[in-house]
Amino acid sequence: MTLNTLVFPAELPEAEHYLRTMIAAGMNAAIAQDIGICRLIRHLSPDFPIHASTQMTVTSAAGMEFAKGLGCQLVVLARECSLQEIRKIQQQIGDRALPLEVFVHGALCVAYSGQCLTSEALGGRSANRGECAQACRMPYELVADGETVELGDRRYLLSPRICGQRHPRLP
């Protein structure tokens, strides 16, 4: 089961009920982002498997140790980790290693490890709760030094398709 979002305090009673139901039903694991949810799972069950989500943004051996301390049995590394960084993490953690997974592909998202706040800020729809308004795929105007920059047909400034391209007037 996936609990791949941050849970607000007012939602904790419902989250606890949901977790109790899932544990009793025999789910094989929970994929979690929220540290509080990891601790709640451990409170409810000392051995229910927890997998640290890519949205927990684990990018180092210290992050792996932290996830292990939360009771996680597997870590899905942040999707921004390179192969070299993954190897380094494995070497540093050594025999204390947890199984690792790597998020290879999903929606082409410009947010760091999929943690988008733009959709919610602009439209009140949380991308992290499955309601992405895809604000990164909308056309925008670019203003640099107080002047509107002529973009021609390149107005999709946050689109993952062109986000790596630079406009000649930008530093």
N, C-alpha and C. Protein backbone atom coordinates (compact mmCIF):
# COMPACT_ATOMS: atom_id res chain seq x y z
N MET A 1 0.85 -1.17 0.00
CA MET A 1 0.00 0.00 0.00
C MET A 1 0.89 1.22 0.00
N THR A 2 0.44 2.24 -0.63
CA THR A 2 1.24 3.44 -0.77
C THR A 2 0.66 4.56 0.09
N LEU A 3 1.48 5.10 0.97
CA LEU A 3 1.16 6.29 1.75
C LEU A 3 2.22 7.33 1.38
N ASN A 4 2.22 7.67 0.12
CA ASN A 4 3.30 8.45 -0.45
C ASN A 4 3.02 9.95 -0.39
N THR A 5 2.66 10.42 0.77
CA THR A 5 2.38 11.83 0.96
C THR A 5 2.59 12.19 2.42
N LEU A 6 2.66 13.46 2.69
CA LEU A 6 2.73 13.92 4.07
C LEU A 6 1.32 13.95 4.63
N VAL A 7 1.18 13.53 5.87
CA VAL A 7 -0.13 13.46 6.51
C VAL A 7 -0.23 14.59 7.52
N PHE A 8 -1.31 15.34 7.43
CA PHE A 8 -1.53 16.46 8.34
C PHE A 8 -2.06 15.94 9.68
N PRO A 9 -1.80 16.67 10.78
CA PRO A 9 -2.23 16.19 12.10
C PRO A 9 -3.72 15.83 12.19
N ALA A 10 -4.57 16.61 11.55
CA ALA A 10 -6.00 16.32 11.60
C ALA A 10 -6.35 15.02 10.88
N GLU A 11 -5.46 14.54 10.03
CA GLU A 11 -5.70 13.32 9.27
C GLU A 11 -5.18 12.06 9.97
N LEU A 12 -4.46 12.24 11.06
CA LEU A 12 -3.84 11.09 11.73
C LEU A 12 -4.84 10.04 12.22
N PRO A 13 -5.97 10.40 12.81
CA PRO A 13 -6.91 9.34 13.22
C PRO A 13 -7.38 8.48 12.04
N GLU A 14 -7.67 9.12 10.91
CA GLU A 14 -8.09 8.37 9.73
C GLU A 14 -6.93 7.52 9.19
N ALA A 15 -5.73 8.07 9.20
CA ALA A 15 -4.56 7.33 8.74
C ALA A 15 -4.32 6.11 9.64
N GLU A 16 -4.49 6.28 10.94
CA GLU A 16 -4.31 5.16 11.87
C GLU A 16 -5.33 4.07 11.59
N HIS A 17 -6.59 4.46 11.38
CA HIS A 17 -7.63 3.48 11.07
C HIS A 17 -7.29 2.74 9.78
N TYR A 18 -6.87 3.47 8.78
CA TYR A 18 -6.48 2.90 7.49
C TYR A 18 -5.33 1.91 7.68
N LEU A 19 -4.31 2.31 8.44
CA LEU A 19 -3.16 1.43 8.68
C LEU A 19 -3.56 0.17 9.43
N ARG A 20 -4.37 0.31 10.46
CA ARG A 20 -4.82 -0.86 11.22
C ARG A 20 -5.54 -1.85 10.29
N THR A 21 -6.38 -1.32 9.42
CA THR A 21 -7.13 -2.15 8.48
C THR A 21 -6.18 -2.87 7.52
N MET A 22 -5.21 -2.15 7.00
CA MET A 22 -4.27 -2.74 6.04
C MET A 22 -3.36 -3.79 6.69
N ILE A 23 -2.92 -3.52 7.90
CA ILE A 23 -2.08 -4.49 8.62
C ILE A 23 -2.88 -5.75 8.90
N ALA A 24 -4.13 -5.58 9.37
CA ALA A 24 -4.99 -6.73 9.67
C ALA A 24 -5.33 -7.53 8.42
N ALA A 25 -5.41 -6.83 7.27
CA ALA A 25 -5.74 -7.50 6.01
C ALA A 25 -4.56 -8.28 5.44
N GLY A 26 -3.38 -8.09 6.01
CA GLY A 26 -2.22 -8.83 5.56
C GLY A 26 -1.46 -8.21 4.40
N MET A 27 -1.57 -6.90 4.24
CA MET A 27 -0.78 -6.24 3.19
C MET A 27 0.68 -6.59 3.40
N ASN A 28 1.45 -6.63 2.31
CA ASN A 28 2.84 -7.06 2.46
C ASN A 28 3.78 -5.94 2.87
N ALA A 29 3.41 -4.67 2.67
CA ALA A 29 4.27 -3.55 3.08
C ALA A 29 3.55 -2.24 2.85
N ALA A 30 4.11 -1.19 3.46
CA ALA A 30 3.65 0.17 3.21
C ALA A 30 4.81 0.96 2.62
N ILE A 31 4.53 1.72 1.57
CA ILE A 31 5.51 2.65 1.01
C ILE A 31 5.18 4.01 1.60
N ALA A 32 6.12 4.57 2.36
CA ALA A 32 5.81 5.79 3.10
C ALA A 32 6.81 6.90 2.86
N GLN A 33 6.31 8.12 2.83
CA GLN A 33 7.14 9.32 2.76
C GLN A 33 7.26 9.96 4.13
N ASP A 34 6.18 9.99 4.86
CA ASP A 34 6.06 10.75 6.11
C ASP A 34 6.73 10.02 7.27
N ILE A 35 7.63 10.70 7.94
CA ILE A 35 8.34 10.13 9.09
C ILE A 35 7.35 9.77 10.19
N GLY A 36 6.37 10.61 10.40
CA GLY A 36 5.35 10.33 11.41
C GLY A 36 4.55 9.07 11.10
N ILE A 37 4.28 8.84 9.83
CA ILE A 37 3.57 7.61 9.43
C ILE A 37 4.44 6.39 9.71
N CYS A 38 5.73 6.50 9.42
CA CYS A 38 6.64 5.38 9.74
C CYS A 38 6.60 5.07 11.23
N ARG A 39 6.63 6.10 12.03
CA ARG A 39 6.59 5.89 13.50
C ARG A 39 5.25 5.34 13.95
N LEU A 40 4.16 5.79 13.31
CA LEU A 40 2.84 5.28 13.64
C LEU A 40 2.74 3.79 13.28
N ILE A 41 3.25 3.42 12.12
CA ILE A 41 3.25 2.01 11.72
C ILE A 41 4.02 1.18 12.75
N ARG A 42 5.19 1.66 13.15
CA ARG A 42 6.00 0.93 14.13
C ARG A 42 5.27 0.83 15.47
N HIS A 43 4.51 1.85 15.84
CA HIS A 43 3.71 1.83 17.07
C HIS A 43 2.61 0.77 16.98
N LEU A 44 2.00 0.67 15.80
CA LEU A 44 0.90 -0.27 15.61
C LEU A 44 1.38 -1.71 15.44
N SER A 45 2.56 -1.87 14.85
CA SER A 45 3.07 -3.21 14.57
C SER A 45 4.59 -3.18 14.58
N PRO A 46 5.22 -3.98 15.41
CA PRO A 46 6.68 -3.95 15.48
C PRO A 46 7.38 -4.56 14.27
N ASP A 47 6.63 -5.29 13.43
CA ASP A 47 7.30 -5.97 12.32
C ASP A 47 6.66 -5.75 10.95
N PHE A 48 5.66 -4.91 10.86
CA PHE A 48 5.04 -4.65 9.55
C PHE A 48 6.06 -3.95 8.65
N PRO A 49 6.32 -4.47 7.45
CA PRO A 49 7.36 -3.91 6.58
C PRO A 49 7.03 -2.49 6.10
N ILE A 50 8.04 -1.63 6.20
CA ILE A 50 7.94 -0.25 5.72
C ILE A 50 9.01 -0.06 4.65
N HIS A 51 8.59 0.50 3.53
CA HIS A 51 9.52 0.85 2.46
C HIS A 51 9.58 2.37 2.37
N ALA A 52 10.77 2.94 2.47
CA ALA A 52 10.93 4.40 2.37
C ALA A 52 10.73 4.80 0.91
N SER A 53 9.78 5.69 0.69
CA SER A 53 9.42 6.15 -0.65
C SER A 53 10.51 7.02 -1.27
N THR A 54 10.52 7.08 -2.59
CA THR A 54 11.41 8.01 -3.28
C THR A 54 11.15 9.44 -2.82
N GLN A 55 9.92 9.72 -2.41
CA GLN A 55 9.59 11.06 -1.93
C GLN A 55 10.10 11.33 -0.52
N MET A 56 10.68 10.33 0.15
CA MET A 56 11.37 10.58 1.41
C MET A 56 12.72 11.25 1.13
N THR A 57 13.12 11.22 -0.13
CA THR A 57 14.32 11.91 -0.63
C THR A 57 15.60 11.44 0.05
N VAL A 58 15.80 10.14 0.12
CA VAL A 58 17.03 9.59 0.67
C VAL A 58 18.10 9.68 -0.42
N THR A 59 19.18 10.41 -0.13
CA THR A 59 20.24 10.65 -1.11
C THR A 59 21.63 10.34 -0.57
N SER A 60 21.71 9.69 0.61
CA SER A 60 23.01 9.47 1.22
C SER A 60 22.97 8.27 2.16
N ALA A 61 24.16 7.85 2.59
CA ALA A 61 24.26 6.78 3.57
C ALA A 61 23.60 7.21 4.89
N ALA A 62 23.75 8.48 5.25
CA ALA A 62 23.10 8.98 6.49
C ALA A 62 21.58 8.89 6.36
N GLY A 63 21.05 9.17 5.18
CA GLY A 63 19.61 9.03 4.95
C GLY A 63 19.16 7.59 5.06
N MET A 64 20.00 6.67 4.57
CA MET A 64 19.70 5.24 4.69
C MET A 64 19.65 4.83 6.16
N GLU A 65 20.63 5.29 6.94
CA GLU A 65 20.66 4.99 8.38
C GLU A 65 19.41 5.55 9.07
N PHE A 66 19.02 6.77 8.68
CA PHE A 66 17.83 7.39 9.27
C PHE A 66 16.60 6.55 8.96
N ALA A 67 16.45 6.14 7.70
CA ALA A 67 15.30 5.32 7.31
C ALA A 67 15.30 4.00 8.07
N LYS A 68 16.48 3.41 8.23
CA LYS A 68 16.59 2.16 8.98
C LYS A 68 16.15 2.38 10.43
N GLY A 69 16.54 3.53 11.00
CA GLY A 69 16.13 3.86 12.36
C GLY A 69 14.62 4.05 12.51
N LEU A 70 13.96 4.40 11.42
CA LEU A 70 12.49 4.54 11.43
C LEU A 70 11.80 3.18 11.33
N GLY A 71 12.60 2.14 11.05
CA GLY A 71 12.03 0.81 10.91
C GLY A 71 11.83 0.38 9.47
N CYS A 72 12.38 1.14 8.53
CA CYS A 72 12.24 0.77 7.12
C CYS A 72 13.09 -0.45 6.80
N GLN A 73 12.55 -1.33 5.99
CA GLN A 73 13.28 -2.52 5.56
C GLN A 73 13.80 -2.39 4.13
N LEU A 74 13.39 -1.36 3.41
CA LEU A 74 13.80 -1.14 2.03
C LEU A 74 13.74 0.36 1.78
N VAL A 75 14.66 0.86 0.95
CA VAL A 75 14.68 2.29 0.63
C VAL A 75 14.62 2.46 -0.88
N VAL A 76 13.66 3.27 -1.33
CA VAL A 76 13.61 3.69 -2.73
C VAL A 76 14.33 5.04 -2.76
N LEU A 77 15.53 5.04 -3.31
CA LEU A 77 16.34 6.26 -3.31
C LEU A 77 15.66 7.39 -4.08
N ALA A 78 16.05 8.61 -3.75
CA ALA A 78 15.55 9.77 -4.49
C ALA A 78 15.86 9.58 -5.97
N ARG A 79 14.94 9.95 -6.82
CA ARG A 79 15.11 9.68 -8.25
C ARG A 79 16.23 10.49 -8.87
N GLU A 80 16.76 11.47 -8.18
CA GLU A 80 17.85 12.27 -8.72
C GLU A 80 19.23 11.65 -8.52
N CYS A 81 19.30 10.56 -7.78
CA CYS A 81 20.60 9.91 -7.53
C CYS A 81 21.16 9.32 -8.81
N SER A 82 22.42 9.61 -9.07
CA SER A 82 23.10 9.04 -10.23
C SER A 82 23.60 7.64 -9.87
N LEU A 83 24.01 6.88 -10.88
CA LEU A 83 24.58 5.55 -10.61
C LEU A 83 25.80 5.66 -9.72
N GLN A 84 26.62 6.66 -9.94
CA GLN A 84 27.81 6.87 -9.12
C GLN A 84 27.41 7.14 -7.66
N GLU A 85 26.40 7.95 -7.44
CA GLU A 85 25.94 8.24 -6.08
C GLU A 85 25.35 6.99 -5.42
N ILE A 86 24.64 6.18 -6.19
CA ILE A 86 24.06 4.95 -5.65
C ILE A 86 25.18 4.00 -5.22
N ARG A 87 26.20 3.86 -6.04
CA ARG A 87 27.35 3.02 -5.68
C ARG A 87 28.02 3.53 -4.40
N LYS A 88 28.19 4.84 -4.31
CA LYS A 88 28.83 5.44 -3.13
C LYS A 88 28.01 5.15 -1.87
N ILE A 89 26.70 5.30 -1.97
CA ILE A 89 25.83 5.01 -0.83
C ILE A 89 25.99 3.56 -0.41
N GLN A 90 25.98 2.64 -1.38
CA GLN A 90 26.13 1.22 -1.08
C GLN A 90 27.47 0.94 -0.41
N GLN A 91 28.54 1.57 -0.90
CA GLN A 91 29.86 1.36 -0.30
C GLN A 91 29.91 1.90 1.12
N GLN A 92 29.34 3.07 1.35
CA GLN A 92 29.39 3.69 2.67
C GLN A 92 28.56 2.94 3.69
N ILE A 93 27.44 2.40 3.28
CA ILE A 93 26.56 1.72 4.22
C ILE A 93 27.06 0.30 4.52
N GLY A 94 27.77 -0.30 3.56
CA GLY A 94 28.41 -1.61 3.78
C GLY A 94 27.46 -2.69 4.24
N ASP A 95 27.85 -3.39 5.29
CA ASP A 95 27.06 -4.52 5.77
C ASP A 95 25.81 -4.09 6.53
N ARG A 96 25.64 -2.81 6.74
CA ARG A 96 24.42 -2.29 7.38
C ARG A 96 23.35 -1.98 6.33
N ALA A 97 23.63 -2.33 5.08
CA ALA A 97 22.77 -1.96 3.95
C ALA A 97 21.37 -2.54 4.06
N LEU A 98 20.43 -1.73 3.63
CA LEU A 98 19.06 -2.18 3.40
C LEU A 98 18.93 -2.43 1.90
N PRO A 99 17.98 -3.25 1.51
CA PRO A 99 17.74 -3.38 0.08
C PRO A 99 17.38 -2.01 -0.51
N LEU A 100 17.89 -1.75 -1.71
CA LEU A 100 17.64 -0.49 -2.39
C LEU A 100 16.78 -0.71 -3.62
N GLU A 101 15.94 0.25 -3.90
CA GLU A 101 15.25 0.31 -5.17
C GLU A 101 15.52 1.70 -5.73
N VAL A 102 15.39 1.81 -7.04
CA VAL A 102 15.61 3.09 -7.69
C VAL A 102 14.41 3.38 -8.58
N PHE A 103 13.88 4.56 -8.45
CA PHE A 103 12.76 5.01 -9.27
C PHE A 103 13.33 5.35 -10.64
N VAL A 104 12.97 4.57 -11.65
CA VAL A 104 13.56 4.74 -12.96
C VAL A 104 12.77 5.71 -13.82
N HIS A 105 11.47 5.61 -13.85
CA HIS A 105 10.69 6.48 -14.73
C HIS A 105 9.27 6.55 -14.23
N GLY A 106 8.68 7.68 -14.44
CA GLY A 106 7.27 7.91 -14.14
C GLY A 106 6.87 9.09 -14.99
N ALA A 107 5.95 9.89 -14.49
CA ALA A 107 5.60 11.11 -15.21
C ALA A 107 6.85 11.98 -15.28
N LEU A 108 7.04 12.63 -16.41
CA LEU A 108 8.19 13.53 -16.54
C LEU A 108 7.89 14.79 -15.72
N CYS A 109 8.40 14.81 -14.52
CA CYS A 109 8.10 15.86 -13.56
C CYS A 109 9.36 16.65 -13.24
N VAL A 110 9.22 17.97 -13.16
CA VAL A 110 10.38 18.81 -12.88
C VAL A 110 10.62 18.97 -11.38
N ALA A 111 9.72 18.50 -10.54
CA ALA A 111 9.86 18.66 -9.10
C ALA A 111 10.90 17.67 -8.55
N TYR A 112 11.63 18.10 -7.54
CA TYR A 112 12.64 17.26 -6.91
C TYR A 112 11.97 16.04 -6.29
N SER A 113 12.33 14.87 -6.75
CA SER A 113 11.76 13.60 -6.30
C SER A 113 10.23 13.61 -6.30
N GLY A 114 9.66 14.35 -7.22
CA GLY A 114 8.21 14.37 -7.35
C GLY A 114 7.49 15.15 -6.27
N GLN A 115 8.21 15.93 -5.49
CA GLN A 115 7.60 16.69 -4.40
C GLN A 115 7.16 18.07 -4.88
N CYS A 116 6.09 18.12 -5.64
CA CYS A 116 5.62 19.35 -6.25
C CYS A 116 4.69 20.11 -5.32
N LEU A 117 4.99 21.38 -5.16
CA LEU A 117 4.09 22.27 -4.41
C LEU A 117 3.43 23.28 -5.33
N THR A 118 3.86 23.32 -6.59
CA THR A 118 3.34 24.31 -7.54
C THR A 118 1.86 24.12 -7.80
N SER A 119 1.45 22.90 -8.05
CA SER A 119 0.06 22.61 -8.35
C SER A 119 -0.86 23.08 -7.22
N GLU A 120 -0.45 22.81 -6.00
CA GLU A 120 -1.27 23.22 -4.85
C GLU A 120 -1.25 24.73 -4.67
N ALA A 121 -0.08 25.35 -4.84
CA ALA A 121 0.04 26.80 -4.66
C ALA A 121 -0.76 27.56 -5.70
N LEU A 122 -0.75 27.09 -6.94
CA LEU A 122 -1.44 27.81 -8.01
C LEU A 122 -2.91 27.43 -8.14
N GLY A 123 -3.24 26.19 -7.84
CA GLY A 123 -4.61 25.75 -8.09
C GLY A 123 -5.29 25.04 -6.95
N GLY A 124 -4.62 24.92 -5.80
CA GLY A 124 -5.25 24.26 -4.66
C GLY A 124 -5.40 22.76 -4.84
N ARG A 125 -4.64 22.18 -5.78
CA ARG A 125 -4.70 20.74 -6.04
C ARG A 125 -3.34 20.14 -5.75
N SER A 126 -3.27 19.22 -4.81
CA SER A 126 -2.00 18.64 -4.38
C SER A 126 -1.54 17.54 -5.34
N ALA A 127 -0.41 17.79 -5.98
CA ALA A 127 0.17 16.78 -6.85
C ALA A 127 0.56 15.55 -6.05
N ASN A 128 0.93 15.73 -4.81
CA ASN A 128 1.35 14.62 -3.97
C ASN A 128 0.18 13.81 -3.44
N ARG A 129 -1.02 14.21 -3.81
CA ARG A 129 -2.21 13.46 -3.43
C ARG A 129 -3.00 13.05 -4.67
N GLY A 130 -2.29 12.94 -5.79
CA GLY A 130 -2.90 12.47 -7.01
C GLY A 130 -3.78 13.47 -7.73
N GLU A 131 -3.63 14.75 -7.42
CA GLU A 131 -4.49 15.77 -8.03
C GLU A 131 -3.70 16.78 -8.85
N CYS A 132 -2.60 16.37 -9.43
CA CYS A 132 -1.71 17.29 -10.13
C CYS A 132 -2.46 18.05 -11.23
N ALA A 133 -2.35 19.37 -11.17
CA ALA A 133 -2.96 20.23 -12.20
C ALA A 133 -2.00 20.45 -13.35
N GLN A 134 -0.82 19.86 -13.27
CA GLN A 134 0.22 19.93 -14.29
C GLN A 134 0.55 21.38 -14.66
N ALA A 135 0.78 22.19 -13.64
CA ALA A 135 1.15 23.59 -13.86
C ALA A 135 2.44 23.71 -14.64
N CYS A 136 3.29 22.70 -14.57
CA CYS A 136 4.56 22.72 -15.32
C CYS A 136 4.34 22.58 -16.81
N ARG A 137 3.15 22.21 -17.22
CA ARG A 137 2.88 22.02 -18.64
C ARG A 137 2.09 23.19 -19.24
N MET A 138 1.95 24.27 -18.49
CA MET A 138 1.22 25.45 -18.97
C MET A 138 2.17 26.47 -19.57
N PRO A 139 1.67 27.32 -20.48
CA PRO A 139 2.52 28.38 -21.04
C PRO A 139 2.68 29.52 -20.03
N TYR A 140 3.85 30.12 -20.01
CA TYR A 140 4.15 31.23 -19.12
C TYR A 140 4.83 32.36 -19.89
N GLU A 141 4.80 33.53 -19.30
CA GLU A 141 5.59 34.65 -19.80
C GLU A 141 6.85 34.72 -18.96
N LEU A 142 7.94 35.16 -19.58
CA LEU A 142 9.19 35.28 -18.87
C LEU A 142 9.54 36.76 -18.75
N VAL A 143 9.79 37.21 -17.52
CA VAL A 143 10.18 38.59 -17.27
C VAL A 143 11.58 38.55 -16.66
N ALA A 144 12.53 39.22 -17.33
CA ALA A 144 13.91 39.30 -16.86
C ALA A 144 14.30 40.76 -16.76
N ASP A 145 14.79 41.18 -15.60
CA ASP A 145 15.17 42.58 -15.37
C ASP A 145 14.03 43.54 -15.68
N GLY A 146 12.81 43.12 -15.33
CA GLY A 146 11.64 43.97 -15.51
C GLY A 146 11.10 44.02 -16.92
N GLU A 147 11.70 43.31 -17.85
CA GLU A 147 11.23 43.32 -19.24
C GLU A 147 10.75 41.93 -19.64
N THR A 148 9.65 41.92 -20.39
CA THR A 148 9.15 40.65 -20.91
C THR A 148 10.08 40.18 -22.02
N VAL A 149 10.50 38.94 -21.90
CA VAL A 149 11.39 38.34 -22.88
C VAL A 149 10.55 37.68 -23.97
N GLU A 150 10.83 37.98 -25.21
CA GLU A 150 10.12 37.37 -26.33
C GLU A 150 10.56 35.91 -26.43
N LEU A 151 9.60 35.00 -26.35
CA LEU A 151 9.90 33.58 -26.35
C LEU A 151 9.49 32.87 -27.63
N GLY A 152 8.74 33.56 -28.49
CA GLY A 152 8.25 32.90 -29.70
C GLY A 152 7.33 31.76 -29.30
N ASP A 153 7.60 30.58 -29.83
CA ASP A 153 6.76 29.43 -29.51
C ASP A 153 7.28 28.64 -28.31
N ARG A 154 8.23 29.19 -27.58
CA ARG A 154 8.81 28.51 -26.42
C ARG A 154 8.27 29.09 -25.12
N ARG A 155 6.98 29.00 -24.90
CA ARG A 155 6.35 29.56 -23.71
C ARG A 155 6.13 28.53 -22.60
N TYR A 156 6.48 27.29 -22.85
CA TYR A 156 6.28 26.24 -21.86
C TYR A 156 7.56 26.10 -21.04
N LEU A 157 7.80 27.10 -20.20
CA LEU A 157 9.08 27.25 -19.51
C LEU A 157 9.38 26.17 -18.48
N LEU A 158 8.36 25.55 -17.91
CA LEU A 158 8.58 24.53 -16.89
C LEU A 158 8.38 23.12 -17.42
N SER A 159 8.10 23.01 -18.70
CA SER A 159 7.86 21.70 -19.29
C SER A 159 9.11 20.84 -19.18
N PRO A 160 8.96 19.60 -18.72
CA PRO A 160 10.12 18.71 -18.64
C PRO A 160 10.78 18.49 -20.01
N ARG A 161 10.02 18.68 -21.06
CA ARG A 161 10.57 18.48 -22.40
C ARG A 161 11.62 19.52 -22.75
N ILE A 162 11.45 20.76 -22.24
CA ILE A 162 12.39 21.81 -22.62
C ILE A 162 13.09 22.45 -21.43
N CYS A 163 12.89 21.94 -20.23
CA CYS A 163 13.42 22.62 -19.05
C CYS A 163 14.93 22.73 -19.06
N GLY A 164 15.63 21.87 -19.77
CA GLY A 164 17.08 21.94 -19.81
C GLY A 164 17.60 22.95 -20.83
N GLN A 165 16.72 23.51 -21.65
CA GLN A 165 17.16 24.47 -22.65
C GLN A 165 17.20 25.87 -22.04
N ARG A 166 18.17 26.67 -22.43
CA ARG A 166 18.32 28.02 -21.89
C ARG A 166 17.97 29.06 -22.93
N HIS A 167 17.35 30.13 -22.48
CA HIS A 167 17.09 31.26 -23.36
C HIS A 167 18.35 32.10 -23.43
N PRO A 168 18.70 32.65 -24.61
CA PRO A 168 19.96 33.39 -24.75
C PRO A 168 20.10 34.60 -23.83
N ARG A 169 18.99 35.18 -23.36
CA ARG A 169 19.09 36.37 -22.50
C ARG A 169 19.21 36.01 -21.02
N LEU A 170 19.13 34.74 -20.70
CA LEU A 170 19.24 34.35 -19.30
C LEU A 170 20.67 33.97 -18.97
N PRO A 171 21.09 34.28 -17.73
CA PRO A 171 22.46 33.93 -17.32
C PRO A 171 22.66 32.43 -17.25
